[in-house]
Structure formats: C-alpha cells, structure tokens
Amino acid sequence: MKESGNIDDIISSKGVKLHYFEPSKRKIWTVVGKDNEHWLDPELDFCSCEDYYYNALSTGGQCYHLKAVKLAKEQGKVETVTFSDSEYESFISALVEDLV
C-alpha cells in the first residue's frame, strides 16, 4: 500500500518533528513530506498539506502526515528540536514563508 510506505519512509527518515520552545513549552509539529514540510496540529487533527484540504476534509479521514505523527509518537520516533522562545517569531515566519 502506497500510503503506509509513505508513512514508514517519513518515520524512518526522522521526518516527524516536534519543535519545542522553552520556557513557554509551545509546540509546533512538522512533517517532511515528499515535496516539502507541512505544519500539523495533531490535537486539532489539522495538516497544511493539499491532501488534508482536498480529501481529509471531505471524507473525514486523515492525511498520511497526521497518521505519521500518530505512529511516530506510538513508536517513540519523534525528532524533538528544542528552541528558545526568542526564536519563536522567526520560526513561525519561516514556516509561513515556506507554506506560501
């Protein structure tokens, strides 16, 4: 199955990333997909990828990026990167720039 191969590839390449900001404890999840990086909020079941907008919203399912986050969390294979709160604004700006 193609989707499970994509999920396995993402997890094995450490593509599920938790960006953790201190001391505020803010969290930003990203997943490196085939073509670019996507921002996710697993608690809201949201992903910035096209599949989320075109398929997941209409069918109520999840894109494979959200599934990859869930599986990586279960397997303890989340790549955590810690930042200072002073880096938060520039991180968000760069993330938004990549999405546009």
N, C-alpha and C. Protein backbone atom coordinates (compact mmCIF):
# COMPACT_ATOMS: atom_id res chain seq x y z
N MET A 1 0.84 -1.18 0.00
CA MET A 1 0.00 0.00 0.00
C MET A 1 0.89 1.25 0.00
N LYS A 2 0.63 2.16 -0.89
CA LYS A 2 1.46 3.35 -1.07
C LYS A 2 1.49 4.22 0.19
N GLU A 3 0.33 4.47 0.80
CA GLU A 3 0.26 5.35 1.96
C GLU A 3 1.10 4.83 3.11
N SER A 4 1.02 3.53 3.40
CA SER A 4 1.81 3.01 4.51
C SER A 4 3.30 3.08 4.21
N GLY A 5 3.67 2.96 2.92
CA GLY A 5 5.07 3.14 2.54
C GLY A 5 5.53 4.56 2.78
N ASN A 6 4.67 5.53 2.46
CA ASN A 6 5.00 6.93 2.72
C ASN A 6 5.18 7.18 4.21
N ILE A 7 4.29 6.63 5.01
CA ILE A 7 4.37 6.80 6.47
C ILE A 7 5.66 6.18 7.00
N ASP A 8 5.96 4.97 6.57
CA ASP A 8 7.20 4.31 7.02
C ASP A 8 8.43 5.11 6.61
N ASP A 9 8.42 5.64 5.38
CA ASP A 9 9.55 6.45 4.89
C ASP A 9 9.73 7.70 5.75
N ILE A 10 8.63 8.36 6.07
CA ILE A 10 8.69 9.58 6.88
C ILE A 10 9.28 9.26 8.25
N ILE A 11 8.79 8.22 8.88
CA ILE A 11 9.24 7.87 10.23
C ILE A 11 10.70 7.42 10.21
N SER A 12 11.07 6.58 9.27
CA SER A 12 12.45 6.07 9.22
C SER A 12 13.46 7.17 8.89
N SER A 13 13.03 8.22 8.20
CA SER A 13 13.95 9.31 7.87
C SER A 13 13.90 10.44 8.90
N LYS A 14 13.26 10.17 10.04
CA LYS A 14 13.11 11.15 11.13
C LYS A 14 12.41 12.41 10.65
N GLY A 15 11.38 12.20 9.84
CA GLY A 15 10.64 13.31 9.25
C GLY A 15 9.53 13.88 10.12
N VAL A 16 9.22 13.21 11.24
CA VAL A 16 8.22 13.75 12.17
C VAL A 16 8.98 14.55 13.22
N LYS A 17 8.71 15.84 13.25
CA LYS A 17 9.48 16.72 14.12
C LYS A 17 8.57 17.50 15.07
N LEU A 18 8.98 17.53 16.33
CA LEU A 18 8.33 18.35 17.33
C LEU A 18 9.29 19.48 17.67
N HIS A 19 8.88 20.69 17.36
CA HIS A 19 9.68 21.88 17.66
C HIS A 19 9.16 22.41 18.99
N TYR A 20 10.00 22.35 19.99
CA TYR A 20 9.60 22.65 21.37
C TYR A 20 10.30 23.93 21.81
N PHE A 21 9.52 24.90 22.28
CA PHE A 21 10.06 26.19 22.67
C PHE A 21 10.05 26.34 24.18
N GLU A 22 11.18 26.80 24.72
CA GLU A 22 11.32 26.97 26.17
C GLU A 22 11.57 28.42 26.51
N PRO A 23 11.09 28.92 27.60
CA PRO A 23 10.40 28.21 28.67
C PRO A 23 8.88 28.10 28.50
N SER A 24 8.30 28.64 27.42
CA SER A 24 6.84 28.67 27.28
C SER A 24 6.21 27.29 27.09
N LYS A 25 7.00 26.31 26.63
CA LYS A 25 6.52 24.96 26.33
C LYS A 25 5.59 24.91 25.12
N ARG A 26 5.70 25.92 24.23
CA ARG A 26 4.93 25.88 22.98
C ARG A 26 5.46 24.74 22.12
N LYS A 27 4.56 24.16 21.35
CA LYS A 27 4.93 23.04 20.48
C LYS A 27 4.43 23.30 19.07
N ILE A 28 5.29 23.03 18.11
CA ILE A 28 4.90 23.08 16.71
C ILE A 28 5.36 21.77 16.08
N TRP A 29 4.42 21.07 15.46
CA TRP A 29 4.71 19.82 14.79
C TRP A 29 4.89 20.07 13.30
N THR A 30 5.90 19.45 12.71
CA THR A 30 6.06 19.46 11.26
C THR A 30 6.38 18.05 10.79
N VAL A 31 6.03 17.80 9.54
CA VAL A 31 6.37 16.53 8.90
C VAL A 31 6.98 16.86 7.55
N VAL A 32 8.12 16.25 7.29
CA VAL A 32 8.77 16.42 5.99
C VAL A 32 8.13 15.41 5.05
N GLY A 33 7.40 15.94 4.06
CA GLY A 33 6.72 15.09 3.09
C GLY A 33 7.57 14.87 1.86
N LYS A 34 6.94 14.38 0.79
CA LYS A 34 7.66 14.10 -0.46
C LYS A 34 8.28 15.35 -1.04
N ASP A 35 7.51 16.44 -1.05
CA ASP A 35 7.97 17.65 -1.73
C ASP A 35 8.35 18.79 -0.79
N ASN A 36 7.75 18.84 0.38
CA ASN A 36 8.06 19.93 1.31
C ASN A 36 7.65 19.58 2.73
N GLU A 37 7.81 20.54 3.61
CA GLU A 37 7.50 20.35 5.02
C GLU A 37 6.09 20.86 5.29
N HIS A 38 5.34 20.14 6.12
CA HIS A 38 3.97 20.52 6.43
C HIS A 38 3.83 20.77 7.92
N TRP A 39 3.04 21.78 8.26
CA TRP A 39 2.75 22.09 9.64
C TRP A 39 1.50 21.33 10.05
N LEU A 40 1.52 20.77 11.27
CA LEU A 40 0.39 19.99 11.76
C LEU A 40 0.03 20.39 13.18
N ASP A 41 -1.21 20.14 13.52
CA ASP A 41 -1.64 20.21 14.90
C ASP A 41 -2.42 18.93 15.16
N PRO A 42 -1.73 17.90 15.70
CA PRO A 42 -2.40 16.61 15.91
C PRO A 42 -3.60 16.70 16.83
N GLU A 43 -3.58 17.63 17.80
CA GLU A 43 -4.71 17.76 18.72
C GLU A 43 -5.96 18.28 18.01
N LEU A 44 -5.77 19.09 16.98
CA LEU A 44 -6.89 19.62 16.20
C LEU A 44 -7.15 18.80 14.94
N ASP A 45 -6.31 17.77 14.71
CA ASP A 45 -6.44 16.93 13.52
C ASP A 45 -6.28 17.77 12.25
N PHE A 46 -5.29 18.69 12.26
CA PHE A 46 -5.06 19.61 11.15
C PHE A 46 -3.69 19.38 10.52
N CYS A 47 -3.64 19.48 9.19
CA CYS A 47 -2.38 19.45 8.45
C CYS A 47 -2.45 20.49 7.33
N SER A 48 -1.32 21.09 7.01
CA SER A 48 -1.28 22.13 5.98
C SER A 48 -1.15 21.56 4.56
N CYS A 49 -1.13 20.24 4.40
CA CYS A 49 -0.93 19.65 3.07
C CYS A 49 -2.21 19.73 2.22
N GLU A 50 -2.02 19.59 0.92
CA GLU A 50 -3.15 19.63 -0.01
C GLU A 50 -4.13 18.48 0.20
N ASP A 51 -3.61 17.30 0.53
CA ASP A 51 -4.48 16.15 0.76
C ASP A 51 -5.47 16.42 1.88
N TYR A 52 -5.01 17.13 2.90
CA TYR A 52 -5.91 17.47 4.01
C TYR A 52 -7.10 18.27 3.50
N TYR A 53 -6.82 19.26 2.67
CA TYR A 53 -7.89 20.12 2.17
C TYR A 53 -8.79 19.41 1.16
N TYR A 54 -8.19 18.63 0.28
CA TYR A 54 -8.98 18.03 -0.80
C TYR A 54 -9.66 16.72 -0.42
N ASN A 55 -9.04 15.95 0.45
CA ASN A 55 -9.60 14.64 0.77
C ASN A 55 -10.06 14.51 2.22
N ALA A 56 -9.18 14.85 3.14
CA ALA A 56 -9.50 14.63 4.55
C ALA A 56 -10.71 15.43 5.00
N LEU A 57 -10.80 16.68 4.57
CA LEU A 57 -11.96 17.49 4.98
C LEU A 57 -13.26 16.95 4.40
N SER A 58 -13.23 16.45 3.16
CA SER A 58 -14.46 15.97 2.54
C SER A 58 -14.85 14.56 3.01
N THR A 59 -13.85 13.72 3.33
CA THR A 59 -14.17 12.34 3.73
C THR A 59 -14.12 12.14 5.23
N GLY A 60 -13.55 13.10 5.95
CA GLY A 60 -13.43 12.96 7.40
C GLY A 60 -12.25 12.11 7.81
N GLY A 61 -11.42 11.70 6.85
CA GLY A 61 -10.25 10.90 7.16
C GLY A 61 -9.05 11.76 7.51
N GLN A 62 -7.92 11.11 7.67
CA GLN A 62 -6.68 11.81 7.97
C GLN A 62 -5.72 11.68 6.80
N CYS A 63 -4.93 12.71 6.58
CA CYS A 63 -3.86 12.61 5.59
C CYS A 63 -2.75 11.74 6.17
N TYR A 64 -1.83 11.30 5.33
CA TYR A 64 -0.79 10.41 5.83
C TYR A 64 0.21 11.12 6.73
N HIS A 65 0.27 12.45 6.68
CA HIS A 65 1.17 13.18 7.58
C HIS A 65 0.66 13.06 9.02
N LEU A 66 -0.65 13.24 9.21
CA LEU A 66 -1.23 13.09 10.55
C LEU A 66 -1.08 11.65 11.05
N LYS A 67 -1.25 10.70 10.16
CA LYS A 67 -1.08 9.30 10.54
C LYS A 67 0.38 9.03 10.93
N ALA A 68 1.31 9.67 10.22
CA ALA A 68 2.74 9.50 10.53
C ALA A 68 3.07 10.05 11.92
N VAL A 69 2.48 11.19 12.28
CA VAL A 69 2.71 11.75 13.62
C VAL A 69 2.20 10.79 14.68
N LYS A 70 1.00 10.29 14.49
CA LYS A 70 0.41 9.36 15.47
C LYS A 70 1.29 8.13 15.64
N LEU A 71 1.72 7.54 14.54
CA LEU A 71 2.53 6.33 14.60
C LEU A 71 3.92 6.61 15.18
N ALA A 72 4.51 7.73 14.80
CA ALA A 72 5.84 8.09 15.33
C ALA A 72 5.76 8.30 16.84
N LYS A 73 4.68 8.90 17.32
CA LYS A 73 4.50 9.08 18.77
C LYS A 73 4.38 7.73 19.46
N GLU A 74 3.58 6.83 18.87
CA GLU A 74 3.40 5.50 19.45
C GLU A 74 4.72 4.72 19.49
N GLN A 75 5.56 4.91 18.47
CA GLN A 75 6.82 4.17 18.37
C GLN A 75 7.99 4.89 19.05
N GLY A 76 7.74 6.09 19.58
CA GLY A 76 8.81 6.86 20.20
C GLY A 76 9.85 7.33 19.20
N LYS A 77 9.42 7.63 17.98
CA LYS A 77 10.35 8.02 16.92
C LYS A 77 10.12 9.46 16.45
N VAL A 78 9.79 10.33 17.39
CA VAL A 78 9.61 11.74 17.08
C VAL A 78 10.95 12.44 17.28
N GLU A 79 11.34 13.22 16.31
CA GLU A 79 12.57 14.01 16.39
C GLU A 79 12.21 15.33 17.09
N THR A 80 12.70 15.51 18.32
CA THR A 80 12.39 16.73 19.08
C THR A 80 13.54 17.71 18.95
N VAL A 81 13.19 18.94 18.58
CA VAL A 81 14.18 20.01 18.44
C VAL A 81 13.76 21.11 19.40
N THR A 82 14.67 21.48 20.31
CA THR A 82 14.35 22.48 21.32
C THR A 82 14.89 23.86 20.90
N PHE A 83 14.04 24.85 21.06
CA PHE A 83 14.38 26.24 20.73
C PHE A 83 14.11 27.12 21.93
N SER A 84 14.67 28.29 21.89
CA SER A 84 14.37 29.32 22.88
C SER A 84 13.12 30.08 22.40
N ASP A 85 12.35 30.60 23.35
CA ASP A 85 11.18 31.39 22.98
C ASP A 85 11.55 32.58 22.10
N SER A 86 12.76 33.08 22.25
CA SER A 86 13.17 34.23 21.44
C SER A 86 13.26 33.87 19.96
N GLU A 87 13.30 32.58 19.63
CA GLU A 87 13.37 32.12 18.24
C GLU A 87 11.99 31.84 17.64
N TYR A 88 10.95 31.92 18.47
CA TYR A 88 9.61 31.54 18.04
C TYR A 88 9.11 32.36 16.85
N GLU A 89 9.21 33.67 16.96
CA GLU A 89 8.69 34.53 15.89
C GLU A 89 9.38 34.27 14.55
N SER A 90 10.69 34.15 14.56
CA SER A 90 11.39 33.90 13.30
C SER A 90 11.08 32.50 12.77
N PHE A 91 10.87 31.53 13.66
CA PHE A 91 10.50 30.18 13.23
C PHE A 91 9.14 30.21 12.53
N ILE A 92 8.17 30.87 13.14
CA ILE A 92 6.83 30.97 12.56
C ILE A 92 6.88 31.69 11.22
N SER A 93 7.64 32.75 11.15
CA SER A 93 7.77 33.49 9.89
C SER A 93 8.34 32.60 8.78
N ALA A 94 9.36 31.85 9.11
CA ALA A 94 9.97 30.95 8.12
C ALA A 94 8.99 29.85 7.71
N LEU A 95 8.25 29.33 8.66
CA LEU A 95 7.27 28.29 8.38
C LEU A 95 6.17 28.80 7.45
N VAL A 96 5.67 29.97 7.74
CA VAL A 96 4.62 30.57 6.90
C VAL A 96 5.16 30.86 5.51
N GLU A 97 6.38 31.37 5.44
CA GLU A 97 7.01 31.67 4.15
C GLU A 97 7.10 30.40 3.29
N ASP A 98 7.43 29.28 3.91
CA ASP A 98 7.52 28.01 3.19
C ASP A 98 6.16 27.54 2.69
N LEU A 99 5.11 27.88 3.40
CA LEU A 99 3.77 27.43 3.03
C LEU A 99 3.20 28.24 1.86
N VAL A 100 3.68 29.45 1.71
CA VAL A 100 3.13 30.34 0.68
C VAL A 100 3.73 30.10 -0.65
